[in-house]
Amino acid sequence: TSRGLMLWLAMLPCALVASGVSNVFSLLVTQLGVAYVMLGIDEIGIQIEQPFDVLPLYGMATVLTRDVQEAFAADVPLTP
């Protein structure tokens, strides 16, 4: 969907010019505003699809693995 969004955003200035927007400043402001909103929505969708890529789980799993290995290596019995 990101490729389609990029294609749509690339073609948006052509559609804006065809619809009658002739001022370069208003064309630029409209393009930037629409791109900001649409790319933000796309980024929110990506984060909702893959929430664990954003969370720092790798570091936490490394620390937990090291703690478990140290606990098994020690001669002290584990308490329940």
PDB file of N, CA and C in Angstrom:
ATOM      1  N   THR A   1       0.805  -1.194   0.000  1.00  0.00           N
ATOM      2  CA  THR A   1       0.000   0.000   0.000  1.00  0.00           C
ATOM      3  C   THR A   1       0.853   1.265   0.000  1.00  0.00           C
ATOM      4  N   SER A   2       2.070   1.180   0.518  1.00  0.00           N
ATOM      5  CA  SER A   2       2.933   2.362   0.540  1.00  0.00           C
ATOM      6  C   SER A   2       3.345   2.767  -0.871  1.00  0.00           C
ATOM      7  N   ARG A   3       3.569   1.789  -1.727  1.00  0.00           N
ATOM      8  CA  ARG A   3       3.925   2.108  -3.115  1.00  0.00           C
ATOM      9  C   ARG A   3       2.766   2.801  -3.823  1.00  0.00           C
ATOM     10  N   GLY A   4       1.578   2.309  -3.606  1.00  0.00           N
ATOM     11  CA  GLY A   4       0.399   2.942  -4.193  1.00  0.00           C
ATOM     12  C   GLY A   4       0.201   4.350  -3.662  1.00  0.00           C
ATOM     13  N   LEU A   5       0.463   4.538  -2.377  1.00  0.00           N
ATOM     14  CA  LEU A   5       0.341   5.871  -1.783  1.00  0.00           C
ATOM     15  C   LEU A   5       1.375   6.815  -2.379  1.00  0.00           C
ATOM     16  N   MET A   6       2.593   6.342  -2.550  1.00  0.00           N
ATOM     17  CA  MET A   6       3.634   7.191  -3.148  1.00  0.00           C
ATOM     18  C   MET A   6       3.283   7.563  -4.590  1.00  0.00           C
ATOM     19  N   LEU A   7       2.745   6.611  -5.332  1.00  0.00           N
ATOM     20  CA  LEU A   7       2.321   6.895  -6.705  1.00  0.00           C
ATOM     21  C   LEU A   7       1.185   7.918  -6.703  1.00  0.00           C
ATOM     22  N   TRP A   8       0.252   7.748  -5.816  1.00  0.00           N
ATOM     23  CA  TRP A   8      -0.876   8.682  -5.714  1.00  0.00           C
ATOM     24  C   TRP A   8      -0.393  10.083  -5.356  1.00  0.00           C
ATOM     25  N   LEU A   9       0.550  10.160  -4.398  1.00  0.00           N
ATOM     26  CA  LEU A   9       1.087  11.464  -4.011  1.00  0.00           C
ATOM     27  C   LEU A   9       1.903  12.096  -5.136  1.00  0.00           C
ATOM     28  N   ALA A  10       2.578  11.267  -5.939  1.00  0.00           N
ATOM     29  CA  ALA A  10       3.339  11.807  -7.064  1.00  0.00           C
ATOM     30  C   ALA A  10       2.417  12.359  -8.142  1.00  0.00           C
ATOM     31  N   MET A  11       1.243  11.774  -8.305  1.00  0.00           N
ATOM     32  CA  MET A  11       0.314  12.223  -9.336  1.00  0.00           C
ATOM     33  C   MET A  11      -0.634  13.317  -8.845  1.00  0.00           C
ATOM     34  N   LEU A  12      -0.652  13.574  -7.551  1.00  0.00           N
ATOM     35  CA  LEU A  12      -1.554  14.582  -6.990  1.00  0.00           C
ATOM     36  C   LEU A  12      -1.342  15.986  -7.567  1.00  0.00           C
ATOM     37  N   PRO A  13      -0.109  16.442  -7.759  1.00  0.00           N
ATOM     38  CA  PRO A  13       0.031  17.786  -8.362  1.00  0.00           C
ATOM     39  C   PRO A  13      -0.593  17.882  -9.755  1.00  0.00           C
ATOM     40  N   CYS A  14      -0.516  16.811 -10.535  1.00  0.00           N
ATOM     41  CA  CYS A  14      -1.151  16.839 -11.863  1.00  0.00           C
ATOM     42  C   CYS A  14      -2.658  17.005 -11.737  1.00  0.00           C
ATOM     43  N   ALA A  15      -3.249  16.310 -10.779  1.00  0.00           N
ATOM     44  CA  ALA A  15      -4.691  16.409 -10.573  1.00  0.00           C
ATOM     45  C   ALA A  15      -5.075  17.782 -10.028  1.00  0.00           C
ATOM     46  N   LEU A  16      -4.243  18.348  -9.169  1.00  0.00           N
ATOM     47  CA  LEU A  16      -4.545  19.672  -8.630  1.00  0.00           C
ATOM     48  C   LEU A  16      -4.469  20.737  -9.711  1.00  0.00           C
ATOM     49  N   VAL A  17      -3.477  20.629 -10.598  1.00  0.00           N
ATOM     50  CA  VAL A  17      -3.369  21.595 -11.693  1.00  0.00           C
ATOM     51  C   VAL A  17      -4.554  21.450 -12.643  1.00  0.00           C
ATOM     52  N   ALA A  18      -4.954  20.204 -12.905  1.00  0.00           N
ATOM     53  CA  ALA A  18      -6.093  19.971 -13.793  1.00  0.00           C
ATOM     54  C   ALA A  18      -7.407  20.472 -13.175  1.00  0.00           C
ATOM     55  N   SER A  19      -7.465  20.499 -11.839  1.00  0.00           N
ATOM     56  CA  SER A  19      -8.694  20.957 -11.199  1.00  0.00           C
ATOM     57  C   SER A  19      -8.760  22.474 -11.066  1.00  0.00           C
ATOM     58  N   GLY A  20      -7.677  23.163 -11.455  1.00  0.00           N
ATOM     59  CA  GLY A  20      -7.754  24.610 -11.475  1.00  0.00           C
ATOM     60  C   GLY A  20      -6.855  25.323 -10.490  1.00  0.00           C
ATOM     61  N   VAL A  21      -6.042  24.604  -9.732  1.00  0.00           N
ATOM     62  CA  VAL A  21      -5.112  25.260  -8.811  1.00  0.00           C
ATOM     63  C   VAL A  21      -3.931  25.757  -9.635  1.00  0.00           C
ATOM     64  N   SER A  22      -3.820  27.071  -9.791  1.00  0.00           N
ATOM     65  CA  SER A  22      -2.762  27.613 -10.643  1.00  0.00           C
ATOM     66  C   SER A  22      -1.662  28.303  -9.843  1.00  0.00           C
ATOM     67  N   ASN A  23      -1.923  28.639  -8.601  1.00  0.00           N
ATOM     68  CA  ASN A  23      -0.940  29.291  -7.760  1.00  0.00           C
ATOM     69  C   ASN A  23       0.045  28.239  -7.246  1.00  0.00           C
ATOM     70  N   VAL A  24       1.338  28.467  -7.442  1.00  0.00           N
ATOM     71  CA  VAL A  24       2.362  27.494  -7.036  1.00  0.00           C
ATOM     72  C   VAL A  24       2.400  27.338  -5.521  1.00  0.00           C
ATOM     73  N   PHE A  25       2.221  28.430  -4.803  1.00  0.00           N
ATOM     74  CA  PHE A  25       2.247  28.361  -3.343  1.00  0.00           C
ATOM     75  C   PHE A  25       1.106  27.511  -2.800  1.00  0.00           C
ATOM     76  N   SER A  26      -0.097  27.722  -3.296  1.00  0.00           N
ATOM     77  CA  SER A  26      -1.233  26.925  -2.819  1.00  0.00           C
ATOM     78  C   SER A  26      -1.095  25.461  -3.239  1.00  0.00           C
ATOM     79  N   LEU A  27      -0.507  25.223  -4.403  1.00  0.00           N
ATOM     80  CA  LEU A  27      -0.258  23.848  -4.838  1.00  0.00           C
ATOM     81  C   LEU A  27       0.720  23.163  -3.887  1.00  0.00           C
ATOM     82  N   LEU A  28       1.784  23.860  -3.516  1.00  0.00           N
ATOM     83  CA  LEU A  28       2.788  23.302  -2.616  1.00  0.00           C
ATOM     84  C   LEU A  28       2.220  23.044  -1.218  1.00  0.00           C
ATOM     85  N   VAL A  29       1.465  24.006  -0.711  1.00  0.00           N
ATOM     86  CA  VAL A  29       0.879  23.853   0.622  1.00  0.00           C
ATOM     87  C   VAL A  29      -0.113  22.692   0.640  1.00  0.00           C
ATOM     88  N   THR A  30      -0.930  22.593  -0.380  1.00  0.00           N
ATOM     89  CA  THR A  30      -1.902  21.498  -0.463  1.00  0.00           C
ATOM     90  C   THR A  30      -1.198  20.152  -0.565  1.00  0.00           C
ATOM     91  N   GLN A  31      -0.174  20.082  -1.401  1.00  0.00           N
ATOM     92  CA  GLN A  31       0.575  18.834  -1.574  1.00  0.00           C
ATOM     93  C   GLN A  31       1.229  18.410  -0.269  1.00  0.00           C
ATOM     94  N   LEU A  32       1.885  19.335   0.408  1.00  0.00           N
ATOM     95  CA  LEU A  32       2.548  19.007   1.668  1.00  0.00           C
ATOM     96  C   LEU A  32       1.549  18.612   2.758  1.00  0.00           C
ATOM     97  N   GLY A  33       0.441  19.307   2.827  1.00  0.00           N
ATOM     98  CA  GLY A  33      -0.566  18.964   3.824  1.00  0.00           C
ATOM     99  C   GLY A  33      -1.173  17.595   3.612  1.00  0.00           C
ATOM    100  N   VAL A  34      -1.530  17.301   2.365  1.00  0.00           N
ATOM    101  CA  VAL A  34      -2.114  15.993   2.048  1.00  0.00           C
ATOM    102  C   VAL A  34      -1.080  14.888   2.270  1.00  0.00           C
ATOM    103  N   ALA A  35       0.152  15.126   1.868  1.00  0.00           N
ATOM    104  CA  ALA A  35       1.198  14.118   2.050  1.00  0.00           C
ATOM    105  C   ALA A  35       1.452  13.862   3.532  1.00  0.00           C
ATOM    106  N   TYR A  36       1.471  14.905   4.337  1.00  0.00           N
ATOM    107  CA  TYR A  36       1.698  14.742   5.771  1.00  0.00           C
ATOM    108  C   TYR A  36       0.605  13.897   6.415  1.00  0.00           C
ATOM    109  N   VAL A  37      -0.636  14.189   6.076  1.00  0.00           N
ATOM    110  CA  VAL A  37      -1.759  13.444   6.657  1.00  0.00           C
ATOM    111  C   VAL A  37      -1.770  11.994   6.174  1.00  0.00           C
ATOM    112  N   MET A  38      -1.617  11.794   4.869  1.00  0.00           N
ATOM    113  CA  MET A  38      -1.698  10.437   4.327  1.00  0.00           C
ATOM    114  C   MET A  38      -0.532   9.571   4.783  1.00  0.00           C
ATOM    115  N   LEU A  39       0.681  10.119   4.816  1.00  0.00           N
ATOM    116  CA  LEU A  39       1.824   9.336   5.288  1.00  0.00           C
ATOM    117  C   LEU A  39       1.728   9.072   6.787  1.00  0.00           C
ATOM    118  N   GLY A  40       1.146   9.986   7.534  1.00  0.00           N
ATOM    119  CA  GLY A  40       0.915   9.743   8.958  1.00  0.00           C
ATOM    120  C   GLY A  40      -0.069   8.618   9.193  1.00  0.00           C
ATOM    121  N   ILE A  41      -1.129   8.585   8.431  1.00  0.00           N
ATOM    122  CA  ILE A  41      -2.106   7.496   8.538  1.00  0.00           C
ATOM    123  C   ILE A  41      -1.463   6.169   8.142  1.00  0.00           C
ATOM    124  N   ASP A  42      -0.629   6.191   7.105  1.00  0.00           N
ATOM    125  CA  ASP A  42       0.066   4.980   6.684  1.00  0.00           C
ATOM    126  C   ASP A  42       1.010   4.488   7.778  1.00  0.00           C
ATOM    127  N   GLU A  43       1.720   5.389   8.425  1.00  0.00           N
ATOM    128  CA  GLU A  43       2.639   5.001   9.493  1.00  0.00           C
ATOM    129  C   GLU A  43       1.881   4.442  10.697  1.00  0.00           C
ATOM    130  N   ILE A  44       0.745   5.017  11.024  1.00  0.00           N
ATOM    131  CA  ILE A  44      -0.075   4.482  12.116  1.00  0.00           C
ATOM    132  C   ILE A  44      -0.534   3.066  11.781  1.00  0.00           C
ATOM    133  N   GLY A  45      -0.941   2.844  10.531  1.00  0.00           N
ATOM    134  CA  GLY A  45      -1.353   1.506  10.113  1.00  0.00           C
ATOM    135  C   GLY A  45      -0.219   0.502  10.205  1.00  0.00           C
ATOM    136  N   ILE A  46       0.991   0.916   9.844  1.00  0.00           N
ATOM    137  CA  ILE A  46       2.139   0.012   9.933  1.00  0.00           C
ATOM    138  C   ILE A  46       2.432  -0.333  11.383  1.00  0.00           C
ATOM    139  N   GLN A  47       2.349   0.642  12.271  1.00  0.00           N
ATOM    140  CA  GLN A  47       2.612   0.369  13.683  1.00  0.00           C
ATOM    141  C   GLN A  47       1.529  -0.487  14.313  1.00  0.00           C
ATOM    142  N   ILE A  48       0.293  -0.362  13.848  1.00  0.00           N
ATOM    143  CA  ILE A  48      -0.770  -1.219  14.365  1.00  0.00           C
ATOM    144  C   ILE A  48      -0.591  -2.647  13.863  1.00  0.00           C
ATOM    145  N   GLU A  49      -0.123  -2.809  12.624  1.00  0.00           N
ATOM    146  CA  GLU A  49       0.116  -4.146  12.073  1.00  0.00           C
ATOM    147  C   GLU A  49       1.250  -4.856  12.795  1.00  0.00           C
ATOM    148  N   GLN A  50       2.335  -4.159  13.078  1.00  0.00           N
ATOM    149  CA  GLN A  50       3.525  -4.744  13.681  1.00  0.00           C
ATOM    150  C   GLN A  50       3.880  -4.003  14.979  1.00  0.00           C
ATOM    151  N   PRO A  51       3.126  -4.198  16.048  1.00  0.00           N
ATOM    152  CA  PRO A  51       3.400  -3.418  17.260  1.00  0.00           C
ATOM    153  C   PRO A  51       4.685  -3.830  17.966  1.00  0.00           C
ATOM    154  N   PHE A  52       5.146  -5.069  17.783  1.00  0.00           N
ATOM    155  CA  PHE A  52       6.307  -5.528  18.523  1.00  0.00           C
ATOM    156  C   PHE A  52       7.613  -5.072  17.907  1.00  0.00           C
ATOM    157  N   ASP A  53       7.599  -4.532  16.686  1.00  0.00           N
ATOM    158  CA  ASP A  53       8.811  -3.967  16.112  1.00  0.00           C
ATOM    159  C   ASP A  53       9.162  -2.641  16.777  1.00  0.00           C
ATOM    160  N   VAL A  54       8.180  -1.987  17.351  1.00  0.00           N
ATOM    161  CA  VAL A  54       8.394  -0.684  17.972  1.00  0.00           C
ATOM    162  C   VAL A  54       8.852  -0.854  19.417  1.00  0.00           C
ATOM    163  N   LEU A  55       8.382  -1.902  20.083  1.00  0.00           N
ATOM    164  CA  LEU A  55       8.703  -2.112  21.486  1.00  0.00           C
ATOM    165  C   LEU A  55      10.123  -2.634  21.648  1.00  0.00           C
ATOM    166  N   PRO A  56      10.796  -2.295  22.748  1.00  0.00           N
ATOM    167  CA  PRO A  56      12.178  -2.742  22.966  1.00  0.00           C
ATOM    168  C   PRO A  56      12.241  -4.154  23.543  1.00  0.00           C
ATOM    169  N   LEU A  57      11.652  -5.120  22.849  1.00  0.00           N
ATOM    170  CA  LEU A  57      11.581  -6.468  23.383  1.00  0.00           C
ATOM    171  C   LEU A  57      12.888  -7.238  23.253  1.00  0.00           C
ATOM    172  N   TYR A  58      13.707  -6.913  22.249  1.00  0.00           N
ATOM    173  CA  TYR A  58      14.950  -7.656  22.062  1.00  0.00           C
ATOM    174  C   TYR A  58      15.887  -7.455  23.248  1.00  0.00           C
ATOM    175  N   GLY A  59      16.041  -6.246  23.699  1.00  0.00           N
ATOM    176  CA  GLY A  59      16.900  -5.970  24.851  1.00  0.00           C
ATOM    177  C   GLY A  59      16.378  -6.625  26.117  1.00  0.00           C
ATOM    178  N   MET A  60      15.072  -6.591  26.314  1.00  0.00           N
ATOM    179  CA  MET A  60      14.481  -7.212  27.487  1.00  0.00           C
ATOM    180  C   MET A  60      14.650  -8.723  27.445  1.00  0.00           C
ATOM    181  N   ALA A  61      14.490  -9.329  26.269  1.00  0.00           N
ATOM    182  CA  ALA A  61      14.663 -10.776  26.144  1.00  0.00           C
ATOM    183  C   ALA A  61      16.107 -11.176  26.372  1.00  0.00           C
ATOM    184  N   THR A  62      17.054 -10.355  25.932  1.00  0.00           N
ATOM    185  CA  THR A  62      18.472 -10.650  26.160  1.00  0.00           C
ATOM    186  C   THR A  62      18.798 -10.638  27.648  1.00  0.00           C
ATOM    187  N   VAL A  63      18.305  -9.652  28.366  1.00  0.00           N
ATOM    188  CA  VAL A  63      18.549  -9.564  29.808  1.00  0.00           C
ATOM    189  C   VAL A  63      17.899 -10.736  30.530  1.00  0.00           C
ATOM    190  N   LEU A  64      16.684 -11.089  30.162  1.00  0.00           N
ATOM    191  CA  LEU A  64      16.001 -12.213  30.806  1.00  0.00           C
ATOM    192  C   LEU A  64      16.717 -13.524  30.528  1.00  0.00           C
ATOM    193  N   THR A  65      17.198 -13.722  29.311  1.00  0.00           N
ATOM    194  CA  THR A  65      17.942 -14.941  28.981  1.00  0.00           C
ATOM    195  C   THR A  65      19.220 -15.029  29.798  1.00  0.00           C
ATOM    196  N   ARG A  66      19.931 -13.922  29.924  1.00  0.00           N
ATOM    197  CA  ARG A  66      21.154 -13.910  30.723  1.00  0.00           C
ATOM    198  C   ARG A  66      20.851 -14.208  32.188  1.00  0.00           C
ATOM    199  N   ASP A  67      19.777 -13.658  32.735  1.00  0.00           N
ATOM    200  CA  ASP A  67      19.412 -13.907  34.128  1.00  0.00           C
ATOM    201  C   ASP A  67      19.061 -15.374  34.359  1.00  0.00           C
ATOM    202  N   VAL A  68      18.345 -15.972  33.420  1.00  0.00           N
ATOM    203  CA  VAL A  68      17.980 -17.385  33.553  1.00  0.00           C
ATOM    204  C   VAL A  68      19.217 -18.264  33.466  1.00  0.00           C
ATOM    205  N   GLN A  69      20.135 -17.957  32.561  1.00  0.00           N
ATOM    206  CA  GLN A  69      21.370 -18.734  32.443  1.00  0.00           C
ATOM    207  C   GLN A  69      22.204 -18.623  33.715  1.00  0.00           C
ATOM    208  N   GLU A  70      22.269 -17.441  34.303  1.00  0.00           N
ATOM    209  CA  GLU A  70      22.997 -17.271  35.554  1.00  0.00           C
ATOM    210  C   GLU A  70      22.321 -18.032  36.693  1.00  0.00           C
ATOM    211  N   ALA A  71      21.003 -18.069  36.690  1.00  0.00           N
ATOM    212  CA  ALA A  71      20.287 -18.792  37.747  1.00  0.00           C
ATOM    213  C   ALA A  71      20.523 -20.290  37.637  1.00  0.00           C
ATOM    214  N   PHE A  72      20.574 -20.831  36.425  1.00  0.00           N
ATOM    215  CA  PHE A  72      20.823 -22.252  36.254  1.00  0.00           C
ATOM    216  C   PHE A  72      22.284 -22.604  36.507  1.00  0.00           C
ATOM    217  N   ALA A  73      23.178 -21.676  36.285  1.00  0.00           N
ATOM    218  CA  ALA A  73      24.604 -21.929  36.499  1.00  0.00           C
ATOM    219  C   ALA A  73      24.963 -21.889  37.991  1.00  0.00           C
ATOM    220  N   ALA A  74      24.194 -21.206  38.783  1.00  0.00           N
ATOM    221  CA  ALA A  74      24.470 -21.103  40.228  1.00  0.00           C
ATOM    222  C   ALA A  74      24.076 -22.403  40.917  1.00  0.00           C
ATOM    223  N   ASP A  75      24.751 -22.683  42.002  1.00  0.00           N
ATOM    224  CA  ASP A  75      24.462 -23.896  42.780  1.00  0.00           C
ATOM    225  C   ASP A  75      23.358 -23.679  43.799  1.00  0.00           C
ATOM    226  N   VAL A  76      22.848 -22.499  43.878  1.00  0.00           N
ATOM    227  CA  VAL A  76      21.774 -22.167  44.821  1.00  0.00           C
ATOM    228  C   VAL A  76      20.462 -22.695  44.248  1.00  0.00           C
ATOM    229  N   PRO A  77      19.703 -23.464  45.039  1.00  0.00           N
ATOM    230  CA  PRO A  77      18.420 -23.954  44.519  1.00  0.00           C
ATOM    231  C   PRO A  77      17.431 -22.816  44.286  1.00  0.00           C
ATOM    232  N   LEU A  78      16.652 -22.965  43.256  1.00  0.00           N
ATOM    233  CA  LEU A  78      15.646 -21.948  42.927  1.00  0.00           C
ATOM    234  C   LEU A  78      14.474 -22.067  43.872  1.00  0.00           C
ATOM    235  N   THR A  79      13.976 -20.935  44.333  1.00  0.00           N
ATOM    236  CA  THR A  79      12.797 -20.952  45.204  1.00  0.00           C
ATOM    237  C   THR A  79      11.564 -20.806  44.351  1.00  0.00           C
ATOM    238  N   PRO A  80      10.515 -21.534  44.694  1.00  0.00           N
ATOM    239  CA  PRO A  80       9.293 -21.440  43.896  1.00  0.00           C
ATOM    240  C   PRO A  80       8.552 -20.161  44.085  1.00  0.00           C
TER     241      PRO A  80
END
